[in-house]
Amino acid sequence: MDMVKIGKFIAKCRKEKNLTQAQLAEKFGITDRAVSKWETGNSLPDASIMLQLCELLSINVNELLKGEGIAMENMKKESEANIIALKTENELQTKKLLKLEWLMIGIALAAFLLFCTAGLIVEKLFGTKWLCTALTLAGVFVLLCAAFVGIWIEQTAGYYECAACSHRYKPTYAAVLMAPHMGRTRWMKCPECKKRTWQKKVTIK
């Protein structure tokens, strides 16, 4: 999916409708900065407004994602190509989020150890136990914050696959938080077959 090409196509269609970036943004209750990011290829319009945007610009979703007008006889082929491209893009974004989770937890662990070490050094040098305790608690706070954000990433990025029926779904935050786990595999109840199994994290549905 060529984001720059899509951006240029949006800009072209907007100008054909005699709309400024600010006017287009106003119609969707967003900022002109968001429209600018579309047109420079830095982001795509949200799925929630994509159909409305296409209607306003007198194009269809396939043309938007292709970044150019499409002849009717090629519409089916382009539809299939765009679906594959969107799935690929979604999978890449999911993998990036999951990598970010590991990085964030690694940084939080390093910060926790740093706070604890600093606390021990301060206590040894100055005999101030309260400061040592405060630094240790600060380290614990950082670690807990990272853990809760990490669980949110686990819950929102990708899906879990039931080992019994292969159903793929997004569990609730509470289900992920409370589930026993080994890495990204969690012991949870499948909403489809109602069985509890060790369910693996997958990036696509």
Protein backbone atom coordinates (compact mmCIF):
# COMPACT_ATOMS: atom_id res chain seq x y z
CA MET A 1 0.00 0.00 0.00
CA ASP A 2 1.58 3.26 -1.20
CA MET A 3 0.72 5.82 1.51
CA VAL A 4 2.29 8.74 -0.41
CA LYS A 5 0.28 7.89 -3.53
CA ILE A 6 -2.93 7.65 -1.48
CA GLY A 7 -2.16 11.01 0.13
CA LYS A 8 -1.63 12.72 -3.22
CA PHE A 9 -4.89 11.21 -4.50
CA ILE A 10 -6.82 12.54 -1.49
CA ALA A 11 -5.30 15.99 -2.05
CA LYS A 12 -6.20 15.88 -5.75
CA CYS A 13 -9.81 14.86 -5.05
CA ARG A 14 -10.13 17.49 -2.32
CA LYS A 15 -8.95 20.24 -4.67
CA GLU A 16 -11.36 19.05 -7.37
CA LYS A 17 -14.15 19.62 -4.82
CA ASN A 18 -12.77 23.14 -4.13
CA LEU A 19 -12.18 22.33 -0.48
CA THR A 20 -9.32 23.50 1.71
CA GLN A 21 -7.75 21.14 4.26
CA ALA A 22 -9.49 23.11 7.01
CA GLN A 23 -12.89 22.80 5.32
CA LEU A 24 -12.47 19.07 4.81
CA ALA A 25 -11.35 18.62 8.41
CA GLU A 26 -14.36 20.59 9.70
CA LYS A 27 -16.79 18.21 7.98
CA PHE A 28 -15.42 15.31 10.05
CA GLY A 29 -14.76 17.14 13.30
CA ILE A 30 -10.99 16.69 13.06
CA THR A 31 -8.04 19.05 12.72
CA ASP A 32 -6.56 20.23 9.44
CA ARG A 33 -3.29 18.75 10.75
CA ALA A 34 -4.90 15.28 10.50
CA VAL A 35 -5.87 15.97 6.87
CA SER A 36 -2.34 17.19 6.18
CA LYS A 37 -0.98 13.90 7.57
CA TRP A 38 -3.24 11.98 5.15
CA GLU A 39 -2.09 14.02 2.19
CA THR A 40 1.62 13.69 3.01
CA GLY A 41 1.30 9.92 3.39
CA ASN A 42 1.97 9.84 7.13
CA SER A 43 -1.36 8.23 8.05
CA LEU A 44 -4.62 6.88 6.64
CA PRO A 45 -8.12 8.18 7.43
CA ASP A 46 -9.73 6.29 10.31
CA ALA A 47 -12.00 3.43 9.27
CA SER A 48 -14.90 5.19 11.04
CA ILE A 49 -14.88 8.08 8.53
CA MET A 50 -13.44 6.39 5.43
CA LEU A 51 -16.81 5.73 3.78
CA GLN A 52 -18.02 9.28 4.46
CA LEU A 53 -14.77 10.69 3.07
CA CYS A 54 -15.10 8.62 -0.10
CA GLU A 55 -18.71 9.77 -0.54
CA LEU A 56 -17.68 13.40 -0.11
CA LEU A 57 -14.82 13.07 -2.61
CA SER A 58 -16.99 11.04 -5.07
CA ILE A 59 -14.69 8.02 -5.04
CA ASN A 60 -14.97 4.50 -3.61
CA VAL A 61 -12.87 2.83 -0.93
CA ASN A 62 -10.96 0.73 -3.47
CA GLU A 63 -9.91 3.86 -5.35
CA LEU A 64 -8.91 5.54 -2.08
CA LEU A 65 -6.71 2.61 -1.02
CA LYS A 66 -5.25 2.26 -4.52
CA GLY A 67 -4.53 5.99 -4.73
CA GLU A 68 -6.06 6.39 -8.19
CA GLY A 69 -9.27 5.97 -10.17
CA ILE A 70 -10.12 2.37 -11.09
CA ALA A 71 -11.94 1.18 -14.21
CA MET A 72 -15.09 -0.84 -13.45
CA GLU A 73 -13.73 -4.00 -15.07
CA ASN A 74 -10.73 -3.96 -12.69
CA MET A 75 -12.77 -3.26 -9.55
CA LYS A 76 -13.00 -6.86 -8.28
CA LYS A 77 -9.28 -7.49 -8.73
CA GLU A 78 -8.39 -4.25 -6.95
CA SER A 79 -10.85 -5.01 -4.14
CA GLU A 80 -9.07 -8.29 -3.41
CA ALA A 81 -5.66 -6.62 -3.58
CA ASN A 82 -6.77 -3.87 -1.17
CA ILE A 83 -8.17 -6.38 1.33
CA ILE A 84 -4.84 -8.24 1.33
CA ALA A 85 -2.92 -4.97 1.67
CA LEU A 86 -5.06 -3.87 4.62
CA LYS A 87 -4.61 -7.22 6.37
CA THR A 88 -0.85 -7.04 5.82
CA GLU A 89 -0.72 -3.47 7.14
CA ASN A 90 -2.77 -4.45 10.19
CA GLU A 91 -0.50 -7.42 10.90
CA LEU A 92 2.61 -5.23 10.66
CA GLN A 93 1.11 -2.69 13.07
CA THR A 94 0.20 -5.49 15.51
CA LYS A 95 3.75 -6.87 15.40
CA LYS A 96 5.15 -3.39 16.06
CA LEU A 97 2.87 -2.97 19.08
CA LEU A 98 3.91 -6.33 20.50
CA LYS A 99 7.59 -5.46 20.04
CA LEU A 100 6.94 -2.14 21.77
CA GLU A 101 5.47 -4.08 24.70
CA TRP A 102 8.72 -6.03 25.22
CA LEU A 103 10.81 -2.86 24.86
CA MET A 104 8.65 -0.99 27.37
CA ILE A 105 8.82 -3.82 29.91
CA GLY A 106 12.60 -4.06 29.45
CA ILE A 107 12.99 -0.32 30.10
CA ALA A 108 10.68 -0.55 33.14
CA LEU A 109 12.73 -3.43 34.59
CA ALA A 110 15.92 -1.47 34.07
CA ALA A 111 14.34 1.55 35.79
CA PHE A 112 13.18 -0.62 38.70
CA LEU A 113 16.69 -2.01 39.22
CA LEU A 114 18.16 1.47 38.94
CA PHE A 115 15.78 2.87 41.59
CA CYS A 116 16.46 -0.06 43.94
CA THR A 117 20.22 0.22 43.48
CA ALA A 118 20.11 3.98 44.05
CA GLY A 119 18.08 3.41 47.20
CA LEU A 120 20.62 0.93 48.59
CA ILE A 121 23.51 3.27 47.79
CA VAL A 122 21.76 6.21 49.45
CA GLU A 123 21.01 4.15 52.56
CA LYS A 124 24.60 2.91 52.77
CA LEU A 125 26.14 6.36 52.31
CA PHE A 126 23.73 8.48 54.34
CA GLY A 127 21.78 5.97 56.46
CA THR A 128 18.44 7.36 55.25
CA LYS A 129 16.12 4.37 55.14
CA TRP A 130 13.06 6.44 54.25
CA LEU A 131 14.72 7.63 51.02
CA CYS A 132 15.72 4.07 50.18
CA THR A 133 12.12 2.99 50.69
CA ALA A 134 10.81 5.90 48.59
CA LEU A 135 13.14 5.06 45.70
CA THR A 136 12.19 1.38 45.85
CA LEU A 137 8.48 2.27 45.82
CA ALA A 138 9.08 4.57 42.85
CA GLY A 139 10.69 1.64 41.03
CA VAL A 140 7.74 -0.59 41.87
CA PHE A 141 5.33 2.10 40.61
CA VAL A 142 7.16 2.34 37.26
CA LEU A 143 7.13 -1.45 36.93
CA LEU A 144 3.41 -1.71 37.71
CA CYS A 145 2.53 1.06 35.24
CA ALA A 146 4.50 -0.73 32.52
CA ALA A 147 2.80 -4.04 33.40
CA PHE A 148 -0.72 -2.57 33.15
CA VAL A 149 0.07 -0.85 29.83
CA GLY A 150 1.71 -4.06 28.60
CA ILE A 151 -1.45 -6.03 29.41
CA TRP A 152 -3.51 -3.43 27.52
CA ILE A 153 -1.26 -3.96 24.47
CA GLU A 154 -1.65 -7.73 24.88
CA GLN A 155 -5.41 -7.34 24.93
CA THR A 156 -5.77 -4.95 21.98
CA ALA A 157 -2.98 -6.06 19.60
CA GLY A 158 -3.90 -9.14 17.59
CA TYR A 159 -6.07 -12.01 18.79
CA TYR A 160 -6.02 -15.14 20.95
CA GLU A 161 -6.66 -18.54 19.36
CA CYS A 162 -8.57 -21.25 21.24
CA ALA A 163 -6.67 -24.55 21.24
CA ALA A 164 -9.97 -26.49 21.26
CA CYS A 165 -11.95 -24.90 18.40
CA SER A 166 -9.40 -22.53 16.77
CA HIS A 167 -11.73 -19.56 17.26
CA ARG A 168 -9.81 -16.26 17.24
CA TYR A 169 -11.06 -13.38 19.37
CA LYS A 170 -10.15 -10.38 21.51
CA PRO A 171 -10.66 -11.09 25.23
CA THR A 172 -11.56 -8.38 27.74
CA TYR A 173 -8.83 -6.55 29.63
CA ALA A 174 -9.95 -8.24 32.87
CA ALA A 175 -9.71 -11.70 31.27
CA VAL A 176 -6.14 -11.06 30.11
CA LEU A 177 -5.16 -9.50 33.44
CA MET A 178 -6.46 -12.40 35.53
CA ALA A 179 -5.39 -15.27 33.25
CA PRO A 180 -2.38 -17.42 34.20
CA HIS A 181 0.18 -17.15 31.42
CA MET A 182 3.42 -18.42 29.95
CA GLY A 183 4.80 -15.59 27.83
CA ARG A 184 1.92 -14.60 25.55
CA THR A 185 0.03 -17.88 25.92
CA ARG A 186 -2.81 -17.54 28.44
CA TRP A 187 -5.22 -19.92 30.17
CA MET A 188 -8.62 -18.49 29.23
CA LYS A 189 -12.20 -19.45 28.46
CA CYS A 190 -13.13 -19.35 24.77
CA PRO A 191 -16.34 -17.33 24.11
CA GLU A 192 -17.18 -19.69 21.23
CA CYS A 193 -16.82 -23.23 22.64
CA LYS A 194 -16.78 -22.19 26.33
CA LYS A 195 -13.72 -24.36 27.04
CA ARG A 196 -10.66 -23.26 29.01
CA THR A 197 -7.40 -23.93 27.19
CA TRP A 198 -3.94 -22.47 26.77
CA GLN A 199 -4.60 -19.89 24.07
CA LYS A 200 -1.82 -18.49 21.90
CA LYS A 201 -1.47 -14.90 20.72
CA VAL A 202 -1.83 -14.54 16.93
CA THR A 203 -1.49 -11.40 14.82
CA ILE A 204 -4.32 -11.96 12.32
CA LYS A 205 -7.92 -13.16 12.59
